[in-house]
Amino acid sequence: MGHATPSKTWTWHQGTWHEGNPAIIGPATHGMWMSSTVFDGARRINGKTPDLKPHCARVIRSAQFMGLEPTITVGEILELVAEGLTKFDPDVALYIKPIIYGETGFLAPDADSAQFVLCINESALPDAITTGFTAQKSSFRRPSPESAPTEAKASCLYPNVGRAVSEAKGNGFDTGVMLDPIGHVAEFSYANLFFAKDGTVYTPAINGTFLNGLTRQRVIQLLRDDGVNVVEKAVKYSELQEADEIFGTGNFYKVAPCVKLDDRPLQPGPITKHAQQLYWAFAEAS
């Protein structure tokens, strides 16, 4: 028996495609009660799947970091994705989500119990790409590598993301700006953060408290290849308050402008627009 889903969805598990949201795990499944679940997310946009292979590779690395040893390969995941895409209208935007979880174990999962699921669903790009999003300084922080599996894209990290978003929405904002344990800017609640000042782009340096997003890496490369100076460094919140423009990157909206930080209105600036143009040109050519 399946469960309700928000959009057309196909899910692959143990050799079979299921329409909708099938009941796959039970209360004794390690990935449910001990949270040994990792996932990744890619998109199909205009018939293209930019950076699909790195997304598939990362879910395997995330599982290994959690103590699991998946038997599926990156190539096999790519083949399943190709098969799954044929179940949708070719013009529809999709979210492609490979998942790995532990089936058995107590506290730590049994390494050889790794199970693979591929879930693909219709998912339109959000309006934030053009209209932007608002953000406030969050009272919640990203954990340190010593206190959480921050090197994995692990489901157990997302309740903290959720409460940061809930706090922001309760205060009339779309998302939060989360700091790391020592008070430097880490990222938006669910996206990497960039800002521009006097023609230079800055982004928080990877320090183990948040993921080095694949779209983040791609945008840095695209900007640098185009001659834009991008600096990765420890960022103080006061620097955001004085920034000329701020934008976020992530699989949800790829590149989108922040149009309000706390009580300060912002405009989508030329560097943000240029980063968007560079990314979408890359995506179309991929």
C-alpha atoms as a PDB file:
ATOM      1  CA  MET A   1       0.000   0.000   0.000  1.00  0.00           C
ATOM      2  CA  GLY A   2       1.417   3.365  -1.006  1.00  0.00           C
ATOM      3  CA  HIS A   3       1.120   6.843   0.420  1.00  0.00           C
ATOM      4  CA  ALA A   4       0.004  10.160  -1.048  1.00  0.00           C
ATOM      5  CA  THR A   5       2.466  12.062  -3.241  1.00  0.00           C
ATOM      6  CA  PRO A   6       2.321  15.713  -4.364  1.00  0.00           C
ATOM      7  CA  SER A   7       3.039  15.057  -8.042  1.00  0.00           C
ATOM      8  CA  LYS A   8       3.466  12.302 -10.575  1.00  0.00           C
ATOM      9  CA  THR A   9       6.138   9.977  -9.200  1.00  0.00           C
ATOM     10  CA  TRP A  10       7.866   6.757 -10.194  1.00  0.00           C
ATOM     11  CA  THR A  11       9.968   4.822  -7.692  1.00  0.00           C
ATOM     12  CA  TRP A  12      12.382   1.944  -8.370  1.00  0.00           C
ATOM     13  CA  HIS A  13      13.169  -0.599  -5.662  1.00  0.00           C
ATOM     14  CA  GLN A  14      14.540  -4.154  -5.856  1.00  0.00           C
ATOM     15  CA  GLY A  15      14.133  -4.484  -9.582  1.00  0.00           C
ATOM     16  CA  THR A  16      10.625  -3.054  -9.966  1.00  0.00           C
ATOM     17  CA  TRP A  17       9.188   0.351 -10.862  1.00  0.00           C
ATOM     18  CA  HIS A  18       6.243   1.467  -8.718  1.00  0.00           C
ATOM     19  CA  GLU A  19       3.976   4.373  -9.594  1.00  0.00           C
ATOM     20  CA  GLY A  20       3.562   6.771  -6.706  1.00  0.00           C
ATOM     21  CA  ASN A  21       5.042   6.470  -3.232  1.00  0.00           C
ATOM     22  CA  PRO A  22       5.289   2.751  -2.311  1.00  0.00           C
ATOM     23  CA  ALA A  23       5.611   1.544   1.267  1.00  0.00           C
ATOM     24  CA  ILE A  24       9.206   0.325   1.233  1.00  0.00           C
ATOM     25  CA  ILE A  25      10.558   0.569   4.787  1.00  0.00           C
ATOM     26  CA  GLY A  26       9.040  -0.613   8.055  1.00  0.00           C
ATOM     27  CA  PRO A  27       9.489   0.291  11.714  1.00  0.00           C
ATOM     28  CA  ALA A  28      12.347  -2.200  12.140  1.00  0.00           C
ATOM     29  CA  THR A  29      14.275  -0.873   9.134  1.00  0.00           C
ATOM     30  CA  HIS A  30      17.522   0.719  10.285  1.00  0.00           C
ATOM     31  CA  GLY A  31      17.128   3.622   7.887  1.00  0.00           C
ATOM     32  CA  MET A  32      13.856   4.529   9.579  1.00  0.00           C
ATOM     33  CA  TRP A  33      14.493   4.125  13.288  1.00  0.00           C
ATOM     34  CA  MET A  34      18.263   4.716  13.346  1.00  0.00           C
ATOM     35  CA  SER A  35      18.408   7.216  10.445  1.00  0.00           C
ATOM     36  CA  SER A  36      21.049   5.596   8.241  1.00  0.00           C
ATOM     37  CA  THR A  37      19.424   7.171   5.181  1.00  0.00           C
ATOM     38  CA  VAL A  38      21.241   9.301   2.634  1.00  0.00           C
ATOM     39  CA  PHE A  39      20.002  10.807  -0.607  1.00  0.00           C
ATOM     40  CA  ASP A  40      20.945  13.102  -3.425  1.00  0.00           C
ATOM     41  CA  GLY A  41      19.045  15.280  -5.837  1.00  0.00           C
ATOM     42  CA  ALA A  42      19.450  16.117  -9.497  1.00  0.00           C
ATOM     43  CA  ARG A  43      17.128  17.786 -11.968  1.00  0.00           C
ATOM     44  CA  ARG A  44      15.935  17.324 -15.494  1.00  0.00           C
ATOM     45  CA  ILE A  45      15.302  20.726 -17.015  1.00  0.00           C
ATOM     46  CA  ASN A  46      14.395  21.304 -20.664  1.00  0.00           C
ATOM     47  CA  GLY A  47      15.359  17.728 -21.360  1.00  0.00           C
ATOM     48  CA  LYS A  48      18.821  18.155 -19.808  1.00  0.00           C
ATOM     49  CA  THR A  49      20.232  16.598 -16.632  1.00  0.00           C
ATOM     50  CA  PRO A  50      23.174  18.829 -15.617  1.00  0.00           C
ATOM     51  CA  ASP A  51      25.751  17.217 -13.311  1.00  0.00           C
ATOM     52  CA  LEU A  52      23.685  14.035 -13.024  1.00  0.00           C
ATOM     53  CA  LYS A  53      26.737  11.783 -12.757  1.00  0.00           C
ATOM     54  CA  PRO A  54      28.319  13.681  -9.818  1.00  0.00           C
ATOM     55  CA  HIS A  55      24.990  13.556  -7.982  1.00  0.00           C
ATOM     56  CA  CYS A  56      24.848   9.780  -8.428  1.00  0.00           C
ATOM     57  CA  ALA A  57      28.451   9.419  -7.295  1.00  0.00           C
ATOM     58  CA  ARG A  58      27.846  11.532  -4.202  1.00  0.00           C
ATOM     59  CA  VAL A  59      24.996   9.386  -2.897  1.00  0.00           C
ATOM     60  CA  ILE A  60      27.368   6.406  -2.869  1.00  0.00           C
ATOM     61  CA  ARG A  61      30.039   8.430  -1.029  1.00  0.00           C
ATOM     62  CA  SER A  62      27.428   9.620   1.467  1.00  0.00           C
ATOM     63  CA  ALA A  63      26.353   6.032   2.143  1.00  0.00           C
ATOM     64  CA  GLN A  64      29.948   4.946   2.673  1.00  0.00           C
ATOM     65  CA  PHE A  65      30.481   7.813   5.096  1.00  0.00           C
ATOM     66  CA  MET A  66      27.481   6.535   7.076  1.00  0.00           C
ATOM     67  CA  GLY A  67      29.029   3.064   7.298  1.00  0.00           C
ATOM     68  CA  LEU A  68      27.176   1.424   4.413  1.00  0.00           C
ATOM     69  CA  GLU A  69      28.701  -0.393   1.438  1.00  0.00           C
ATOM     70  CA  PRO A  70      26.302  -0.100  -1.526  1.00  0.00           C
ATOM     71  CA  THR A  71      26.677  -2.712  -4.239  1.00  0.00           C
ATOM     72  CA  ILE A  72      25.124  -0.528  -6.930  1.00  0.00           C
ATOM     73  CA  THR A  73      27.504   1.467  -9.140  1.00  0.00           C
ATOM     74  CA  VAL A  74      27.298   4.970 -10.554  1.00  0.00           C
ATOM     75  CA  GLY A  75      26.843   3.506 -14.031  1.00  0.00           C
ATOM     76  CA  GLU A  76      23.948   1.340 -12.876  1.00  0.00           C
ATOM     77  CA  ILE A  77      22.246   4.328 -11.257  1.00  0.00           C
ATOM     78  CA  LEU A  78      22.620   6.309 -14.479  1.00  0.00           C
ATOM     79  CA  GLU A  79      21.027   3.442 -16.425  1.00  0.00           C
ATOM     80  CA  LEU A  80      18.080   3.348 -14.019  1.00  0.00           C
ATOM     81  CA  VAL A  81      17.649   7.120 -14.294  1.00  0.00           C
ATOM     82  CA  ALA A  82      17.589   6.873 -18.092  1.00  0.00           C
ATOM     83  CA  GLU A  83      14.917   4.178 -17.821  1.00  0.00           C
ATOM     84  CA  GLY A  84      12.877   6.191 -15.353  1.00  0.00           C
ATOM     85  CA  LEU A  85      12.937   9.351 -17.432  1.00  0.00           C
ATOM     86  CA  THR A  86      11.028   7.566 -20.204  1.00  0.00           C
ATOM     87  CA  LYS A  87       8.012   7.362 -17.880  1.00  0.00           C
ATOM     88  CA  PHE A  88       7.506  11.139 -18.013  1.00  0.00           C
ATOM     89  CA  ASP A  89       6.642  13.694 -20.656  1.00  0.00           C
ATOM     90  CA  PRO A  90      10.010  14.825 -22.091  1.00  0.00           C
ATOM     91  CA  ASP A  91       9.237  18.500 -21.498  1.00  0.00           C
ATOM     92  CA  VAL A  92       8.346  18.200 -17.799  1.00  0.00           C
ATOM     93  CA  ALA A  93      10.825  19.367 -15.150  1.00  0.00           C
ATOM     94  CA  LEU A  94      11.808  16.524 -12.831  1.00  0.00           C
ATOM     95  CA  TYR A  95      13.501  15.926  -9.498  1.00  0.00           C
ATOM     96  CA  ILE A  96      15.750  12.838  -9.528  1.00  0.00           C
ATOM     97  CA  LYS A  97      16.430  11.429  -6.074  1.00  0.00           C
ATOM     98  CA  PRO A  98      18.657   8.373  -5.493  1.00  0.00           C
ATOM     99  CA  ILE A  99      18.382   7.080  -1.912  1.00  0.00           C
ATOM    100  CA  ILE A 100      20.424   4.552   0.067  1.00  0.00           C
ATOM    101  CA  TYR A 101      19.523   3.270   3.537  1.00  0.00           C
ATOM    102  CA  GLY A 102      20.532   0.526   5.919  1.00  0.00           C
ATOM    103  CA  GLU A 103      18.121  -2.392   6.267  1.00  0.00           C
ATOM    104  CA  THR A 104      19.523  -3.958   9.451  1.00  0.00           C
ATOM    105  CA  GLY A 105      21.789  -3.185  12.374  1.00  0.00           C
ATOM    106  CA  PHE A 106      21.637  -1.689  15.830  1.00  0.00           C
ATOM    107  CA  LEU A 107      23.016   1.809  16.322  1.00  0.00           C
ATOM    108  CA  ALA A 108      25.475   1.469  13.429  1.00  0.00           C
ATOM    109  CA  PRO A 109      23.946  -0.094  10.304  1.00  0.00           C
ATOM    110  CA  ASP A 110      25.168  -3.409   8.975  1.00  0.00           C
ATOM    111  CA  ALA A 111      27.443  -2.352   6.147  1.00  0.00           C
ATOM    112  CA  ASP A 112      26.205  -5.041   3.771  1.00  0.00           C
ATOM    113  CA  SER A 113      22.519  -4.232   4.336  1.00  0.00           C
ATOM    114  CA  ALA A 114      22.536  -1.144   2.074  1.00  0.00           C
ATOM    115  CA  GLN A 115      19.343  -0.815   0.026  1.00  0.00           C
ATOM    116  CA  PHE A 116      18.940   1.406  -3.030  1.00  0.00           C
ATOM    117  CA  VAL A 117      15.848   3.347  -4.093  1.00  0.00           C
ATOM    118  CA  LEU A 118      15.421   5.719  -7.029  1.00  0.00           C
ATOM    119  CA  CYS A 119      12.555   8.189  -6.840  1.00  0.00           C
ATOM    120  CA  ILE A 120      11.734  10.518  -9.742  1.00  0.00           C
ATOM    121  CA  ASN A 121       8.912  13.044  -9.569  1.00  0.00           C
ATOM    122  CA  GLU A 122       7.598  16.035 -11.473  1.00  0.00           C
ATOM    123  CA  SER A 123       8.945  19.222  -9.903  1.00  0.00           C
ATOM    124  CA  ALA A 124       8.645  22.629 -11.543  1.00  0.00           C
ATOM    125  CA  LEU A 125      11.379  25.178 -11.020  1.00  0.00           C
ATOM    126  CA  PRO A 126      10.353  27.695  -8.336  1.00  0.00           C
ATOM    127  CA  ASP A 127       9.475  31.331  -8.914  1.00  0.00           C
ATOM    128  CA  ALA A 128      12.469  32.317  -6.759  1.00  0.00           C
ATOM    129  CA  ILE A 129      14.685  32.084  -9.847  1.00  0.00           C
ATOM    130  CA  THR A 130      13.117  35.295 -11.160  1.00  0.00           C
ATOM    131  CA  THR A 131      11.360  36.853  -8.152  1.00  0.00           C
ATOM    132  CA  GLY A 132      14.062  36.033  -5.601  1.00  0.00           C
ATOM    133  CA  PHE A 133      13.744  34.972  -1.978  1.00  0.00           C
ATOM    134  CA  THR A 134      13.974  36.617   1.433  1.00  0.00           C
ATOM    135  CA  ALA A 135      16.171  35.530   4.324  1.00  0.00           C
ATOM    136  CA  GLN A 136      16.746  36.270   7.985  1.00  0.00           C
ATOM    137  CA  LYS A 137      19.556  35.416  10.366  1.00  0.00           C
ATOM    138  CA  SER A 138      18.607  32.079  11.881  1.00  0.00           C
ATOM    139  CA  SER A 139      18.848  31.264  15.562  1.00  0.00           C
ATOM    140  CA  PHE A 140      19.772  27.695  14.583  1.00  0.00           C
ATOM    141  CA  ARG A 141      23.296  26.716  13.562  1.00  0.00           C
ATOM    142  CA  ARG A 142      24.898  24.085  11.399  1.00  0.00           C
ATOM    143  CA  PRO A 143      26.547  21.306  13.457  1.00  0.00           C
ATOM    144  CA  SER A 144      30.262  20.593  13.528  1.00  0.00           C
ATOM    145  CA  PRO A 145      31.734  17.433  11.954  1.00  0.00           C
ATOM    146  CA  GLU A 146      32.342  16.112  15.469  1.00  0.00           C
ATOM    147  CA  SER A 147      28.643  16.266  16.335  1.00  0.00           C
ATOM    148  CA  ALA A 148      26.885  15.144  13.123  1.00  0.00           C
ATOM    149  CA  PRO A 149      27.642  13.355   9.811  1.00  0.00           C
ATOM    150  CA  THR A 150      28.060  16.640   7.964  1.00  0.00           C
ATOM    151  CA  GLU A 151      30.158  15.121   5.161  1.00  0.00           C
ATOM    152  CA  ALA A 152      27.157  13.077   3.990  1.00  0.00           C
ATOM    153  CA  LYS A 153      23.936  14.301   2.424  1.00  0.00           C
ATOM    154  CA  ALA A 154      22.165  12.523   5.242  1.00  0.00           C
ATOM    155  CA  SER A 155      18.456  12.710   6.002  1.00  0.00           C
ATOM    156  CA  CYS A 156      19.172  13.052   9.734  1.00  0.00           C
ATOM    157  CA  LEU A 157      20.602  16.535   9.129  1.00  0.00           C
ATOM    158  CA  TYR A 158      17.382  17.899   7.670  1.00  0.00           C
ATOM    159  CA  PRO A 159      15.201  18.316  10.774  1.00  0.00           C
ATOM    160  CA  ASN A 160      17.609  21.103  11.719  1.00  0.00           C
ATOM    161  CA  VAL A 161      17.136  22.592   8.252  1.00  0.00           C
ATOM    162  CA  GLY A 162      13.388  22.281   8.671  1.00  0.00           C
ATOM    163  CA  ARG A 163      13.234  24.127  11.948  1.00  0.00           C
ATOM    164  CA  ALA A 164      15.372  26.947  10.526  1.00  0.00           C
ATOM    165  CA  VAL A 165      12.961  27.269   7.602  1.00  0.00           C
ATOM    166  CA  SER A 166       9.934  27.108   9.904  1.00  0.00           C
ATOM    167  CA  GLU A 167      11.378  29.846  12.074  1.00  0.00           C
ATOM    168  CA  ALA A 168      12.018  32.029   9.022  1.00  0.00           C
ATOM    169  CA  LYS A 169       8.543  31.472   7.565  1.00  0.00           C
ATOM    170  CA  GLY A 170       7.009  32.239  10.941  1.00  0.00           C
ATOM    171  CA  ASN A 171       8.730  35.614  10.791  1.00  0.00           C
ATOM    172  CA  GLY A 172       7.652  36.331   7.217  1.00  0.00           C
ATOM    173  CA  PHE A 173      10.812  35.190   5.403  1.00  0.00           C
ATOM    174  CA  ASP A 174      11.473  32.350   2.980  1.00  0.00           C
ATOM    175  CA  THR A 175      14.597  30.916   4.559  1.00  0.00           C
ATOM    176  CA  GLY A 176      17.332  31.456   7.106  1.00  0.00           C
ATOM    177  CA  VAL A 177      21.017  32.278   7.038  1.00  0.00           C
ATOM    178  CA  MET A 178      22.666  29.685   9.257  1.00  0.00           C
ATOM    179  CA  LEU A 179      25.954  30.206  11.030  1.00  0.00           C
ATOM    180  CA  ASP A 180      28.511  27.537  11.835  1.00  0.00           C
ATOM    181  CA  PRO A 181      29.359  26.557  15.442  1.00  0.00           C
ATOM    182  CA  ILE A 182      31.865  29.410  15.887  1.00  0.00           C
ATOM    183  CA  GLY A 183      29.626  32.096  14.431  1.00  0.00           C
ATOM    184  CA  HIS A 184      30.739  32.404  10.822  1.00  0.00           C
ATOM    185  CA  VAL A 185      28.207  32.286   7.981  1.00  0.00           C
ATOM    186  CA  ALA A 186      27.715  28.712   6.726  1.00  0.00           C
ATOM    187  CA  GLU A 187      24.887  28.797   4.194  1.00  0.00           C
ATOM    188  CA  PHE A 188      21.210  29.472   3.671  1.00  0.00           C
ATOM    189  CA  SER A 189      18.997  26.870   5.334  1.00  0.00           C
ATOM    190  CA  TYR A 190      19.015  24.611   2.262  1.00  0.00           C
ATOM    191  CA  ALA A 191      21.293  26.322  -0.269  1.00  0.00           C
ATOM    192  CA  ASN A 192      24.858  27.549  -0.525  1.00  0.00           C
ATOM    193  CA  LEU A 193      25.407  31.278  -0.120  1.00  0.00           C
ATOM    194  CA  PHE A 194      27.270  33.822  -2.242  1.00  0.00           C
ATOM    195  CA  PHE A 195      27.561  37.587  -2.043  1.00  0.00           C
ATOM    196  CA  ALA A 196      29.218  40.273  -4.138  1.00  0.00           C
ATOM    197  CA  LYS A 197      31.067  43.370  -2.987  1.00  0.00           C
ATOM    198  CA  ASP A 198      32.833  45.829  -5.289  1.00  0.00           C
ATOM    199  CA  GLY A 199      32.851  43.353  -8.184  1.00  0.00           C
ATOM    200  CA  THR A 200      34.275  40.392  -6.247  1.00  0.00           C
ATOM    201  CA  VAL A 201      32.212  37.331  -5.367  1.00  0.00           C
ATOM    202  CA  TYR A 202      32.605  35.781  -1.917  1.00  0.00           C
ATOM    203  CA  THR A 203      31.325  32.497  -0.531  1.00  0.00           C
ATOM    204  CA  PRO A 204      31.932  30.727   2.802  1.00  0.00           C
ATOM    205  CA  ALA A 205      34.933  28.403   2.657  1.00  0.00           C
ATOM    206  CA  ILE A 206      34.149  24.727   3.118  1.00  0.00           C
ATOM    207  CA  ASN A 207      34.909  23.899   6.750  1.00  0.00           C
ATOM    208  CA  GLY A 208      33.071  20.621   7.315  1.00  0.00           C
ATOM    209  CA  THR A 209      29.859  22.114   8.682  1.00  0.00           C
ATOM    210  CA  PHE A 210      27.924  22.216   5.392  1.00  0.00           C
ATOM    211  CA  LEU A 211      28.024  20.449   2.043  1.00  0.00           C
ATOM    212  CA  ASN A 212      30.160  21.695  -0.806  1.00  0.00           C
ATOM    213  CA  GLY A 213      27.163  21.703  -3.149  1.00  0.00           C
ATOM    214  CA  LEU A 214      27.576  20.499  -6.707  1.00  0.00           C
ATOM    215  CA  THR A 215      25.800  23.589  -8.048  1.00  0.00           C
ATOM    216  CA  ARG A 216      28.052  25.700  -5.799  1.00  0.00           C
ATOM    217  CA  GLN A 217      31.132  24.079  -7.316  1.00  0.00           C
ATOM    218  CA  ARG A 218      29.762  24.515 -10.823  1.00  0.00           C
ATOM    219  CA  VAL A 219      28.950  28.217 -10.352  1.00  0.00           C
ATOM    220  CA  ILE A 220      32.379  28.936  -8.868  1.00  0.00           C
ATOM    221  CA  GLN A 221      34.029  27.266 -11.857  1.00  0.00           C
ATOM    222  CA  LEU A 222      31.825  29.054 -14.376  1.00  0.00           C
ATOM    223  CA  LEU A 223      32.444  32.470 -12.815  1.00  0.00           C
ATOM    224  CA  ARG A 224      36.198  31.951 -12.551  1.00  0.00           C
ATOM    225  CA  ASP A 225      36.427  30.655 -16.109  1.00  0.00           C
ATOM    226  CA  ASP A 226      34.649  33.849 -17.180  1.00  0.00           C
ATOM    227  CA  GLY A 227      37.170  36.037 -15.369  1.00  0.00           C
ATOM    228  CA  VAL A 228      35.160  36.827 -12.221  1.00  0.00           C
ATOM    229  CA  ASN A 229      37.186  36.836  -8.999  1.00  0.00           C
ATOM    230  CA  VAL A 230      35.620  34.339  -6.549  1.00  0.00           C
ATOM    231  CA  VAL A 231      37.001  34.219  -3.008  1.00  0.00           C
ATOM    232  CA  GLU A 232      36.262  31.379  -0.595  1.00  0.00           C
ATOM    233  CA  LYS A 233      36.811  32.504   2.987  1.00  0.00           C
ATOM    234  CA  ALA A 234      35.414  32.728   6.508  1.00  0.00           C
ATOM    235  CA  VAL A 235      32.476  35.138   6.255  1.00  0.00           C
ATOM    236  CA  LYS A 236      31.146  37.348   9.041  1.00  0.00           C
ATOM    237  CA  TYR A 237      27.420  38.108   9.122  1.00  0.00           C
ATOM    238  CA  SER A 238      28.241  41.824   9.055  1.00  0.00           C
ATOM    239  CA  GLU A 239      29.717  41.307   5.571  1.00  0.00           C
ATOM    240  CA  LEU A 240      26.318  40.148   4.311  1.00  0.00           C
ATOM    241  CA  GLN A 241      24.731  43.238   5.789  1.00  0.00           C
ATOM    242  CA  GLU A 242      27.078  45.379   3.688  1.00  0.00           C
ATOM    243  CA  ALA A 243      26.998  43.276   0.508  1.00  0.00           C
ATOM    244  CA  ASP A 244      26.072  44.767  -2.863  1.00  0.00           C
ATOM    245  CA  GLU A 245      24.096  41.637  -3.768  1.00  0.00           C
ATOM    246  CA  ILE A 246      23.463  38.159  -2.364  1.00  0.00           C
ATOM    247  CA  PHE A 247      22.435  34.954  -4.098  1.00  0.00           C
ATOM    248  CA  GLY A 248      22.017  31.270  -3.392  1.00  0.00           C
ATOM    249  CA  THR A 249      22.827  28.094  -5.304  1.00  0.00           C
ATOM    250  CA  GLY A 250      21.334  24.640  -4.972  1.00  0.00           C
ATOM    251  CA  ASN A 251      19.405  21.929  -6.717  1.00  0.00           C
ATOM    252  CA  PHE A 252      16.035  23.442  -5.776  1.00  0.00           C
ATOM    253  CA  TYR A 253      16.390  26.628  -7.807  1.00  0.00           C
ATOM    254  CA  LYS A 254      19.972  26.370  -9.162  1.00  0.00           C
ATOM    255  CA  VAL A 255      20.811  30.108  -8.887  1.00  0.00           C
ATOM    256  CA  ALA A 256      18.456  32.669  -7.334  1.00  0.00           C
ATOM    257  CA  PRO A 257      18.781  36.181  -5.900  1.00  0.00           C
ATOM    258  CA  CYS A 258      18.185  37.118  -2.288  1.00  0.00           C
ATOM    259  CA  VAL A 259      15.952  40.207  -2.412  1.00  0.00           C
ATOM    260  CA  LYS A 260      15.755  40.927   1.306  1.00  0.00           C
ATOM    261  CA  LEU A 261      18.090  40.186   4.219  1.00  0.00           C
ATOM    262  CA  ASP A 262      16.489  40.840   7.590  1.00  0.00           C
ATOM    263  CA  ASP A 263      15.028  44.348   7.173  1.00  0.00           C
ATOM    264  CA  ARG A 264      17.256  45.367   4.235  1.00  0.00           C
ATOM    265  CA  PRO A 265      15.826  45.211   0.694  1.00  0.00           C
ATOM    266  CA  LEU A 266      18.197  44.030  -2.050  1.00  0.00           C
ATOM    267  CA  GLN A 267      18.041  44.008  -5.822  1.00  0.00           C
ATOM    268  CA  PRO A 268      19.118  41.150  -8.115  1.00  0.00           C
ATOM    269  CA  GLY A 269      22.468  42.598  -9.161  1.00  0.00           C
ATOM    270  CA  PRO A 270      24.549  42.217 -12.316  1.00  0.00           C
ATOM    271  CA  ILE A 271      26.783  39.501 -10.888  1.00  0.00           C
ATOM    272  CA  THR A 272      23.809  37.425  -9.759  1.00  0.00           C
ATOM    273  CA  LYS A 273      22.229  37.757 -13.199  1.00  0.00           C
ATOM    274  CA  HIS A 274      25.540  36.865 -14.832  1.00  0.00           C
ATOM    275  CA  ALA A 275      25.894  33.761 -12.638  1.00  0.00           C
ATOM    276  CA  GLN A 276      22.392  32.713 -13.673  1.00  0.00           C
ATOM    277  CA  GLN A 277      23.156  33.229 -17.355  1.00  0.00           C
ATOM    278  CA  LEU A 278      26.377  31.242 -17.107  1.00  0.00           C
ATOM    279  CA  TYR A 279      24.689  28.374 -15.278  1.00  0.00           C
ATOM    280  CA  TRP A 280      21.743  28.069 -17.663  1.00  0.00           C
ATOM    281  CA  ALA A 281      24.062  28.196 -20.665  1.00  0.00           C
ATOM    282  CA  PHE A 282      26.025  25.328 -19.101  1.00  0.00           C
ATOM    283  CA  ALA A 283      22.828  23.399 -18.361  1.00  0.00           C
ATOM    284  CA  GLU A 284      21.558  23.760 -21.928  1.00  0.00           C
ATOM    285  CA  ALA A 285      24.866  22.508 -23.307  1.00  0.00           C
ATOM    286  CA  SER A 286      25.125  19.533 -20.957  1.00  0.00           C
END
